[in-house]
């Protein structure tokens, strides 16, 4: 299970970078608290493979969503549900 989450998270971050043609040195990721362990493991691997650092911000999905609604500059939103990321789009 752990390896599966790692591959999924890495694929997601790479897709975001490619899809948005990111040129920034840092990717800002809003992470639901239940993904804390996986995100902390993957961030250094992502930096090693991509050269981009990752700034992780952890919290409840609801609080992160509110921050995004109020202009928080996240590049990726990893929520515990699918409803709020859809609303954030």
PDB file of N, CA and C in Angstrom:
ATOM      1  N   UNK A   1       0.824  -1.194   0.000  1.00  0.00           N
ATOM      2  CA  UNK A   1       0.000   0.000   0.000  1.00  0.00           C
ATOM      3  C   UNK A   1       0.866   1.254   0.000  1.00  0.00           C
ATOM      4  N   UNK A   2       1.922   1.250   0.803  1.00  0.00           N
ATOM      5  CA  UNK A   2       2.793   2.411   0.922  1.00  0.00           C
ATOM      6  C   UNK A   2       3.435   2.752  -0.422  1.00  0.00           C
ATOM      7  N   UNK A   3       3.946   1.751  -1.137  1.00  0.00           N
ATOM      8  CA  UNK A   3       4.583   1.978  -2.434  1.00  0.00           C
ATOM      9  C   UNK A   3       3.567   2.504  -3.437  1.00  0.00           C
ATOM     10  N   UNK A   4       2.356   1.997  -3.396  1.00  0.00           N
ATOM     11  CA  UNK A   4       1.299   2.431  -4.311  1.00  0.00           C
ATOM     12  C   UNK A   4       0.988   3.913  -4.114  1.00  0.00           C
ATOM     13  N   UNK A   5       0.887   4.354  -2.868  1.00  0.00           N
ATOM     14  CA  UNK A   5       0.627   5.771  -2.577  1.00  0.00           C
ATOM     15  C   UNK A   5       1.792   6.618  -3.059  1.00  0.00           C
ATOM     16  N   UNK A   6       3.000   6.160  -2.840  1.00  0.00           N
ATOM     17  CA  UNK A   6       4.172   6.905  -3.262  1.00  0.00           C
ATOM     18  C   UNK A   6       4.171   7.115  -4.767  1.00  0.00           C
ATOM     19  N   UNK A   7       3.937   6.092  -5.523  1.00  0.00           N
ATOM     20  CA  UNK A   7       3.904   6.217  -6.991  1.00  0.00           C
ATOM     21  C   UNK A   7       2.788   7.150  -7.432  1.00  0.00           C
ATOM     22  N   UNK A   8       1.626   7.027  -6.802  1.00  0.00           N
ATOM     23  CA  UNK A   8       0.494   7.880  -7.171  1.00  0.00           C
ATOM     24  C   UNK A   8       0.807   9.344  -6.912  1.00  0.00           C
ATOM     25  N   UNK A   9       1.364   9.633  -5.728  1.00  0.00           N
ATOM     26  CA  UNK A   9       1.671  11.012  -5.361  1.00  0.00           C
ATOM     27  C   UNK A   9       2.735  11.595  -6.273  1.00  0.00           C
ATOM     28  N   UNK A  10       3.775  10.831  -6.556  1.00  0.00           N
ATOM     29  CA  UNK A  10       4.842  11.298  -7.439  1.00  0.00           C
ATOM     30  C   UNK A  10       4.283  11.560  -8.839  1.00  0.00           C
ATOM     31  N   UNK A  11       3.464  10.663  -9.338  1.00  0.00           N
ATOM     32  CA  UNK A  11       2.871  10.850 -10.663  1.00  0.00           C
ATOM     33  C   UNK A  11       2.015  12.109 -10.697  1.00  0.00           C
ATOM     34  N   UNK A  12       1.284  12.357  -9.638  1.00  0.00           N
ATOM     35  CA  UNK A  12       0.453  13.553  -9.574  1.00  0.00           C
ATOM     36  C   UNK A  12       1.298  14.826  -9.626  1.00  0.00           C
ATOM     37  N   UNK A  13       2.344  14.878  -8.832  1.00  0.00           N
ATOM     38  CA  UNK A  13       3.196  16.073  -8.824  1.00  0.00           C
ATOM     39  C   UNK A  13       3.871  16.291 -10.172  1.00  0.00           C
ATOM     40  N   UNK A  14       4.363  15.241 -10.772  1.00  0.00           N
ATOM     41  CA  UNK A  14       4.994  15.366 -12.087  1.00  0.00           C
ATOM     42  C   UNK A  14       3.971  15.838 -13.118  1.00  0.00           C
ATOM     43  N   UNK A  15       2.770  15.295 -13.072  1.00  0.00           N
ATOM     44  CA  UNK A  15       1.724  15.711 -14.009  1.00  0.00           C
ATOM     45  C   UNK A  15       1.394  17.186 -13.852  1.00  0.00           C
ATOM     46  N   UNK A  16       1.351  17.664 -12.637  1.00  0.00           N
ATOM     47  CA  UNK A  16       1.073  19.080 -12.403  1.00  0.00           C
ATOM     48  C   UNK A  16       2.185  19.943 -12.994  1.00  0.00           C
ATOM     49  N   UNK A  17       3.404  19.541 -12.766  1.00  0.00           N
ATOM     50  CA  UNK A  17       4.528  20.319 -13.306  1.00  0.00           C
ATOM     51  C   UNK A  17       4.512  20.347 -14.824  1.00  0.00           C
ATOM     52  N   UNK A  18       4.295  19.202 -15.432  1.00  0.00           N
ATOM     53  CA  UNK A  18       4.281  19.138 -16.883  1.00  0.00           C
ATOM     54  C   UNK A  18       3.057  19.860 -17.436  1.00  0.00           C
ATOM     55  N   UNK A  19       1.912  19.610 -16.833  1.00  0.00           N
ATOM     56  CA  UNK A  19       0.668  20.208 -17.317  1.00  0.00           C
ATOM     57  C   UNK A  19       0.635  21.718 -17.216  1.00  0.00           C
ATOM     58  N   UNK A  20       1.310  22.273 -16.244  1.00  0.00           N
ATOM     59  CA  UNK A  20       1.310  23.716 -16.053  1.00  0.00           C
ATOM     60  C   UNK A  20       2.623  24.356 -16.490  1.00  0.00           C
ATOM     61  N   UNK A  21       3.510  23.551 -17.064  1.00  0.00           N
ATOM     62  CA  UNK A  21       4.812  24.047 -17.514  1.00  0.00           C
ATOM     63  C   UNK A  21       5.488  24.871 -16.425  1.00  0.00           C
ATOM     64  N   UNK A  22       5.527  24.294 -15.241  1.00  0.00           N
ATOM     65  CA  UNK A  22       6.093  25.004 -14.100  1.00  0.00           C
ATOM     66  C   UNK A  22       7.562  25.323 -14.310  1.00  0.00           C
ATOM     67  N   UNK A  23       7.901  26.545 -13.991  1.00  0.00           N
ATOM     68  CA  UNK A  23       9.288  26.963 -14.083  1.00  0.00           C
ATOM     69  C   UNK A  23       9.805  27.393 -12.720  1.00  0.00           C
ATOM     70  N   UNK A  24       8.927  27.389 -11.747  1.00  0.00           N
ATOM     71  CA  UNK A  24       9.323  27.788 -10.397  1.00  0.00           C
ATOM     72  C   UNK A  24      10.212  26.713  -9.790  1.00  0.00           C
ATOM     73  N   UNK A  25      11.042  27.139  -8.859  1.00  0.00           N
ATOM     74  CA  UNK A  25      11.905  26.191  -8.178  1.00  0.00           C
ATOM     75  C   UNK A  25      11.176  25.437  -7.079  1.00  0.00           C
ATOM     76  N   UNK A  26       9.982  25.890  -6.733  1.00  0.00           N
ATOM     77  CA  UNK A  26       9.253  25.303  -5.617  1.00  0.00           C
ATOM     78  C   UNK A  26       7.812  25.016  -6.010  1.00  0.00           C
ATOM     79  N   UNK A  27       7.338  23.847  -5.620  1.00  0.00           N
ATOM     80  CA  UNK A  27       5.942  23.461  -5.816  1.00  0.00           C
ATOM     81  C   UNK A  27       5.273  23.537  -4.452  1.00  0.00           C
ATOM     82  N   UNK A  28       4.166  24.289  -4.367  1.00  0.00           N
ATOM     83  CA  UNK A  28       3.448  24.470  -3.103  1.00  0.00           C
ATOM     84  C   UNK A  28       2.262  23.510  -3.065  1.00  0.00           C
ATOM     85  N   UNK A  29       2.268  22.627  -2.067  1.00  0.00           N
ATOM     86  CA  UNK A  29       1.266  21.569  -1.999  1.00  0.00           C
ATOM     87  C   UNK A  29       0.472  21.677  -0.703  1.00  0.00           C
ATOM     88  N   UNK A  30      -0.853  21.781  -0.833  1.00  0.00           N
ATOM     89  CA  UNK A  30      -1.763  21.732   0.310  1.00  0.00           C
ATOM     90  C   UNK A  30      -2.115  20.265   0.508  1.00  0.00           C
ATOM     91  N   UNK A  31      -1.801  19.723   1.681  1.00  0.00           N
ATOM     92  CA  UNK A  31      -1.939  18.289   1.927  1.00  0.00           C
ATOM     93  C   UNK A  31      -2.879  18.032   3.101  1.00  0.00           C
ATOM     94  N   UNK A  32      -3.929  17.251   2.842  1.00  0.00           N
ATOM     95  CA  UNK A  32      -4.802  16.832   3.939  1.00  0.00           C
ATOM     96  C   UNK A  32      -3.976  16.068   4.966  1.00  0.00           C
ATOM     97  N   UNK A  33      -4.270  16.290   6.223  1.00  0.00           N
ATOM     98  CA  UNK A  33      -3.473  15.736   7.316  1.00  0.00           C
ATOM     99  C   UNK A  33      -3.312  14.221   7.238  1.00  0.00           C
ATOM    100  N   UNK A  34      -4.297  13.520   6.684  1.00  0.00           N
ATOM    101  CA  UNK A  34      -4.186  12.058   6.622  1.00  0.00           C
ATOM    102  C   UNK A  34      -3.138  11.586   5.621  1.00  0.00           C
ATOM    103  N   UNK A  35      -2.579  12.487   4.810  1.00  0.00           N
ATOM    104  CA  UNK A  35      -1.513  12.139   3.870  1.00  0.00           C
ATOM    105  C   UNK A  35      -0.140  12.616   4.350  1.00  0.00           C
ATOM    106  N   UNK A  36      -0.041  13.029   5.604  1.00  0.00           N
ATOM    107  CA  UNK A  36       1.202  13.597   6.129  1.00  0.00           C
ATOM    108  C   UNK A  36       2.399  12.673   5.942  1.00  0.00           C
ATOM    109  N   UNK A  37       2.272  11.445   6.365  1.00  0.00           N
ATOM    110  CA  UNK A  37       3.390  10.503   6.279  1.00  0.00           C
ATOM    111  C   UNK A  37       3.863  10.296   4.854  1.00  0.00           C
ATOM    112  N   UNK A  38       2.929  10.029   3.961  1.00  0.00           N
ATOM    113  CA  UNK A  38       3.285   9.789   2.562  1.00  0.00           C
ATOM    114  C   UNK A  38       3.909  11.025   1.925  1.00  0.00           C
ATOM    115  N   UNK A  39       3.340  12.191   2.195  1.00  0.00           N
ATOM    116  CA  UNK A  39       3.869  13.432   1.603  1.00  0.00           C
ATOM    117  C   UNK A  39       5.284  13.716   2.087  1.00  0.00           C
ATOM    118  N   UNK A  40       5.535  13.495   3.365  1.00  0.00           N
ATOM    119  CA  UNK A  40       6.875  13.728   3.909  1.00  0.00           C
ATOM    120  C   UNK A  40       7.905  12.759   3.346  1.00  0.00           C
ATOM    121  N   UNK A  41       7.486  11.562   2.986  1.00  0.00           N
ATOM    122  CA  UNK A  41       8.401  10.599   2.374  1.00  0.00           C
ATOM    123  C   UNK A  41       8.677  10.940   0.911  1.00  0.00           C
ATOM    124  N   UNK A  42       7.678  11.424   0.237  1.00  0.00           N
ATOM    125  CA  UNK A  42       7.785  11.629  -1.202  1.00  0.00           C
ATOM    126  C   UNK A  42       8.465  12.942  -1.577  1.00  0.00           C
ATOM    127  N   UNK A  43       8.288  13.972  -0.799  1.00  0.00           N
ATOM    128  CA  UNK A  43       8.834  15.290  -1.143  1.00  0.00           C
ATOM    129  C   UNK A  43      10.331  15.260  -1.448  1.00  0.00           C
ATOM    130  N   UNK A  44      11.169  14.615  -0.624  1.00  0.00           N
ATOM    131  CA  UNK A  44      12.600  14.586  -0.953  1.00  0.00           C
ATOM    132  C   UNK A  44      12.901  13.806  -2.235  1.00  0.00           C
ATOM    133  N   UNK A  45      12.130  12.756  -2.486  1.00  0.00           N
ATOM    134  CA  UNK A  45      12.310  11.993  -3.726  1.00  0.00           C
ATOM    135  C   UNK A  45      11.949  12.838  -4.938  1.00  0.00           C
ATOM    136  N   UNK A  46      10.864  13.583  -4.811  1.00  0.00           N
ATOM    137  CA  UNK A  46      10.442  14.459  -5.903  1.00  0.00           C
ATOM    138  C   UNK A  46      11.523  15.493  -6.205  1.00  0.00           C
ATOM    139  N   UNK A  47      12.100  16.087  -5.169  1.00  0.00           N
ATOM    140  CA  UNK A  47      13.160  17.076  -5.370  1.00  0.00           C
ATOM    141  C   UNK A  47      14.362  16.438  -6.061  1.00  0.00           C
ATOM    142  N   UNK A  48      14.715  15.257  -5.635  1.00  0.00           N
ATOM    143  CA  UNK A  48      15.864  14.565  -6.220  1.00  0.00           C
ATOM    144  C   UNK A  48      15.640  14.275  -7.703  1.00  0.00           C
ATOM    145  N   UNK A  49      14.438  13.856  -8.058  1.00  0.00           N
ATOM    146  CA  UNK A  49      14.143  13.484  -9.440  1.00  0.00           C
ATOM    147  C   UNK A  49      13.855  14.683 -10.350  1.00  0.00           C
ATOM    148  N   UNK A  50      13.265  15.724  -9.798  1.00  0.00           N
ATOM    149  CA  UNK A  50      12.827  16.846 -10.635  1.00  0.00           C
ATOM    150  C   UNK A  50      13.694  18.093 -10.514  1.00  0.00           C
ATOM    151  N   UNK A  51      14.390  18.220  -9.389  1.00  0.00           N
ATOM    152  CA  UNK A  51      15.133  19.447  -9.131  1.00  0.00           C
ATOM    153  C   UNK A  51      14.283  20.536  -8.502  1.00  0.00           C
ATOM    154  N   UNK A  52      12.994  20.292  -8.364  1.00  0.00           N
ATOM    155  CA  UNK A  52      12.065  21.248  -7.758  1.00  0.00           C
ATOM    156  C   UNK A  52      11.869  20.891  -6.290  1.00  0.00           C
ATOM    157  N   UNK A  53      11.924  21.882  -5.426  1.00  0.00           N
ATOM    158  CA  UNK A  53      11.630  21.603  -4.026  1.00  0.00           C
ATOM    159  C   UNK A  53      10.121  21.625  -3.816  1.00  0.00           C
ATOM    160  N   UNK A  54       9.698  21.056  -2.721  1.00  0.00           N
ATOM    161  CA  UNK A  54       8.280  20.965  -2.401  1.00  0.00           C
ATOM    162  C   UNK A  54       8.045  21.620  -1.053  1.00  0.00           C
ATOM    163  N   UNK A  55       7.113  22.553  -1.019  1.00  0.00           N
ATOM    164  CA  UNK A  55       6.707  23.159   0.254  1.00  0.00           C
ATOM    165  C   UNK A  55       5.359  22.549   0.606  1.00  0.00           C
ATOM    166  N   UNK A  56       5.342  21.764   1.662  1.00  0.00           N
ATOM    167  CA  UNK A  56       4.132  21.077   2.093  1.00  0.00           C
ATOM    168  C   UNK A  56       3.442  21.875   3.188  1.00  0.00           C
ATOM    169  N   UNK A  57       2.140  22.060   3.041  1.00  0.00           N
ATOM    170  CA  UNK A  57       1.321  22.703   4.067  1.00  0.00           C
ATOM    171  C   UNK A  57       0.232  21.716   4.448  1.00  0.00           C
ATOM    172  N   UNK A  58       0.221  21.315   5.706  1.00  0.00           N
ATOM    173  CA  UNK A  58      -0.719  20.298   6.170  1.00  0.00           C
ATOM    174  C   UNK A  58      -1.881  20.930   6.932  1.00  0.00           C
ATOM    175  N   UNK A  59      -3.043  20.292   6.813  1.00  0.00           N
ATOM    176  CA  UNK A  59      -4.208  20.752   7.554  1.00  0.00           C
ATOM    177  C   UNK A  59      -5.419  19.933   7.175  1.00  0.00           C
ATOM    178  N   UNK A  60      -6.538  20.298   7.737  1.00  0.00           N
ATOM    179  CA  UNK A  60      -7.777  19.612   7.362  1.00  0.00           C
ATOM    180  C   UNK A  60      -8.171  20.064   5.960  1.00  0.00           C
ATOM    181  N   UNK A  61      -8.853  19.199   5.263  1.00  0.00           N
ATOM    182  CA  UNK A  61      -9.293  19.531   3.905  1.00  0.00           C
ATOM    183  C   UNK A  61     -10.124  20.805   3.905  1.00  0.00           C
ATOM    184  N   UNK A  62     -11.005  20.952   4.882  1.00  0.00           N
ATOM    185  CA  UNK A  62     -11.859  22.137   4.947  1.00  0.00           C
ATOM    186  C   UNK A  62     -11.073  23.420   5.137  1.00  0.00           C
ATOM    187  N   UNK A  63     -10.105  23.405   6.034  1.00  0.00           N
ATOM    188  CA  UNK A  63      -9.294  24.606   6.273  1.00  0.00           C
ATOM    189  C   UNK A  63      -8.417  24.933   5.077  1.00  0.00           C
ATOM    190  N   UNK A  64      -7.849  23.914   4.443  1.00  0.00           N
ATOM    191  CA  UNK A  64      -7.036  24.159   3.250  1.00  0.00           C
ATOM    192  C   UNK A  64      -7.895  24.729   2.124  1.00  0.00           C
ATOM    193  N   UNK A  65      -9.093  24.189   1.976  1.00  0.00           N
ATOM    194  CA  UNK A  65     -10.005  24.696   0.946  1.00  0.00           C
ATOM    195  C   UNK A  65     -10.340  26.170   1.192  1.00  0.00           C
ATOM    196  N   UNK A  66     -10.603  26.520   2.446  1.00  0.00           N
ATOM    197  CA  UNK A  66     -10.890  27.913   2.777  1.00  0.00           C
ATOM    198  C   UNK A  66      -9.702  28.809   2.434  1.00  0.00           C
ATOM    199  N   UNK A  67      -8.492  28.342   2.719  1.00  0.00           N
ATOM    200  CA  UNK A  67      -7.300  29.114   2.371  1.00  0.00           C
ATOM    201  C   UNK A  67      -7.205  29.316   0.858  1.00  0.00           C
ATOM    202  N   UNK A  68      -7.485  28.262   0.103  1.00  0.00           N
ATOM    203  CA  UNK A  68      -7.444  28.365  -1.363  1.00  0.00           C
ATOM    204  C   UNK A  68      -8.495  29.350  -1.858  1.00  0.00           C
ATOM    205  N   UNK A  69      -9.698  29.274  -1.294  1.00  0.00           N
ATOM    206  CA  UNK A  69     -10.760  30.221  -1.666  1.00  0.00           C
ATOM    207  C   UNK A  69     -10.342  31.667  -1.406  1.00  0.00           C
ATOM    208  N   UNK A  70      -9.514  31.861  -0.404  1.00  0.00           N
ATOM    209  CA  UNK A  70      -9.071  33.202  -0.039  1.00  0.00           C
ATOM    210  C   UNK A  70      -7.733  33.585  -0.660  1.00  0.00           C
ATOM    211  N   UNK A  71      -7.305  32.820  -1.663  1.00  0.00           N
ATOM    212  CA  UNK A  71      -6.136  33.202  -2.436  1.00  0.00           C
ATOM    213  C   UNK A  71      -4.819  32.550  -2.076  1.00  0.00           C
ATOM    214  N   UNK A  72      -4.817  31.550  -1.218  1.00  0.00           N
ATOM    215  CA  UNK A  72      -3.560  30.872  -0.892  1.00  0.00           C
ATOM    216  C   UNK A  72      -2.950  30.303  -2.183  1.00  0.00           C
ATOM    217  N   UNK A  73      -1.671  30.512  -2.392  1.00  0.00           N
ATOM    218  CA  UNK A  73      -1.041  30.157  -3.677  1.00  0.00           C
ATOM    219  C   UNK A  73      -0.541  28.708  -3.747  1.00  0.00           C
ATOM    220  N   UNK A  74      -1.444  27.745  -3.672  1.00  0.00           N
ATOM    221  CA  UNK A  74      -1.048  26.345  -3.780  1.00  0.00           C
ATOM    222  C   UNK A  74      -1.069  25.908  -5.231  1.00  0.00           C
ATOM    223  N   UNK A  75      -0.103  25.070  -5.599  1.00  0.00           N
ATOM    224  CA  UNK A  75      -0.051  24.490  -6.943  1.00  0.00           C
ATOM    225  C   UNK A  75      -0.793  23.166  -7.002  1.00  0.00           C
ATOM    226  N   UNK A  76      -0.858  22.466  -5.877  1.00  0.00           N
ATOM    227  CA  UNK A  76      -1.500  21.155  -5.785  1.00  0.00           C
ATOM    228  C   UNK A  76      -2.341  21.124  -4.516  1.00  0.00           C
ATOM    229  N   UNK A  77      -3.521  20.515  -4.612  1.00  0.00           N
ATOM    230  CA  UNK A  77      -4.402  20.363  -3.452  1.00  0.00           C
ATOM    231  C   UNK A  77      -4.713  18.877  -3.297  1.00  0.00           C
ATOM    232  N   UNK A  78      -4.135  18.240  -2.287  1.00  0.00           N
ATOM    233  CA  UNK A  78      -4.397  16.829  -1.996  1.00  0.00           C
ATOM    234  C   UNK A  78      -5.374  16.758  -0.839  1.00  0.00           C
ATOM    235  N   UNK A  79      -6.639  16.561  -1.170  1.00  0.00           N
ATOM    236  CA  UNK A  79      -7.719  16.589  -0.194  1.00  0.00           C
ATOM    237  C   UNK A  79      -8.143  15.187   0.203  1.00  0.00           C
ATOM    238  N   UNK A  80      -8.857  15.109   1.300  1.00  0.00           N
ATOM    239  CA  UNK A  80      -9.378  13.832   1.776  1.00  0.00           C
ATOM    240  C   UNK A  80     -10.704  13.474   1.111  1.00  0.00           C
ATOM    241  N   UNK A  81     -11.239  14.353   0.303  1.00  0.00           N
ATOM    242  CA  UNK A  81     -12.464  14.077  -0.433  1.00  0.00           C
ATOM    243  C   UNK A  81     -12.302  14.598  -1.862  1.00  0.00           C
ATOM    244  N   UNK A  82     -13.263  14.302  -2.711  1.00  0.00           N
ATOM    245  CA  UNK A  82     -13.182  14.790  -4.098  1.00  0.00           C
ATOM    246  C   UNK A  82     -14.036  16.031  -4.326  1.00  0.00           C
ATOM    247  N   UNK A  83     -14.920  16.323  -3.395  1.00  0.00           N
ATOM    248  CA  UNK A  83     -15.842  17.451  -3.554  1.00  0.00           C
ATOM    249  C   UNK A  83     -15.127  18.803  -3.546  1.00  0.00           C
ATOM    250  N   UNK A  84     -14.260  19.027  -2.588  1.00  0.00           N
ATOM    251  CA  UNK A  84     -13.633  20.346  -2.463  1.00  0.00           C
ATOM    252  C   UNK A  84     -12.609  20.636  -3.552  1.00  0.00           C
ATOM    253  N   UNK A  85     -11.804  19.673  -3.988  1.00  0.00           N
ATOM    254  CA  UNK A  85     -10.926  19.982  -5.128  1.00  0.00           C
ATOM    255  C   UNK A  85     -11.728  20.369  -6.376  1.00  0.00           C
ATOM    256  N   UNK A  86     -12.864  19.718  -6.588  1.00  0.00           N
ATOM    257  CA  UNK A  86     -13.715  20.084  -7.729  1.00  0.00           C
ATOM    258  C   UNK A  86     -14.225  21.511  -7.580  1.00  0.00           C
ATOM    259  N   UNK A  87     -14.626  21.882  -6.356  1.00  0.00           N
ATOM    260  CA  UNK A  87     -15.085  23.255  -6.114  1.00  0.00           C
ATOM    261  C   UNK A  87     -13.946  24.254  -6.280  1.00  0.00           C
ATOM    262  N   UNK A  88     -12.736  23.846  -5.920  1.00  0.00           N
ATOM    263  CA  UNK A  88     -11.585  24.744  -6.013  1.00  0.00           C
ATOM    264  C   UNK A  88     -11.216  25.054  -7.454  1.00  0.00           C
ATOM    265  N   UNK A  89     -11.529  24.128  -8.359  1.00  0.00           N
ATOM    266  CA  UNK A  89     -11.229  24.375  -9.769  1.00  0.00           C
ATOM    267  C   UNK A  89     -11.989  25.575 -10.276  1.00  0.00           C
TER     268      UNK A  89
END
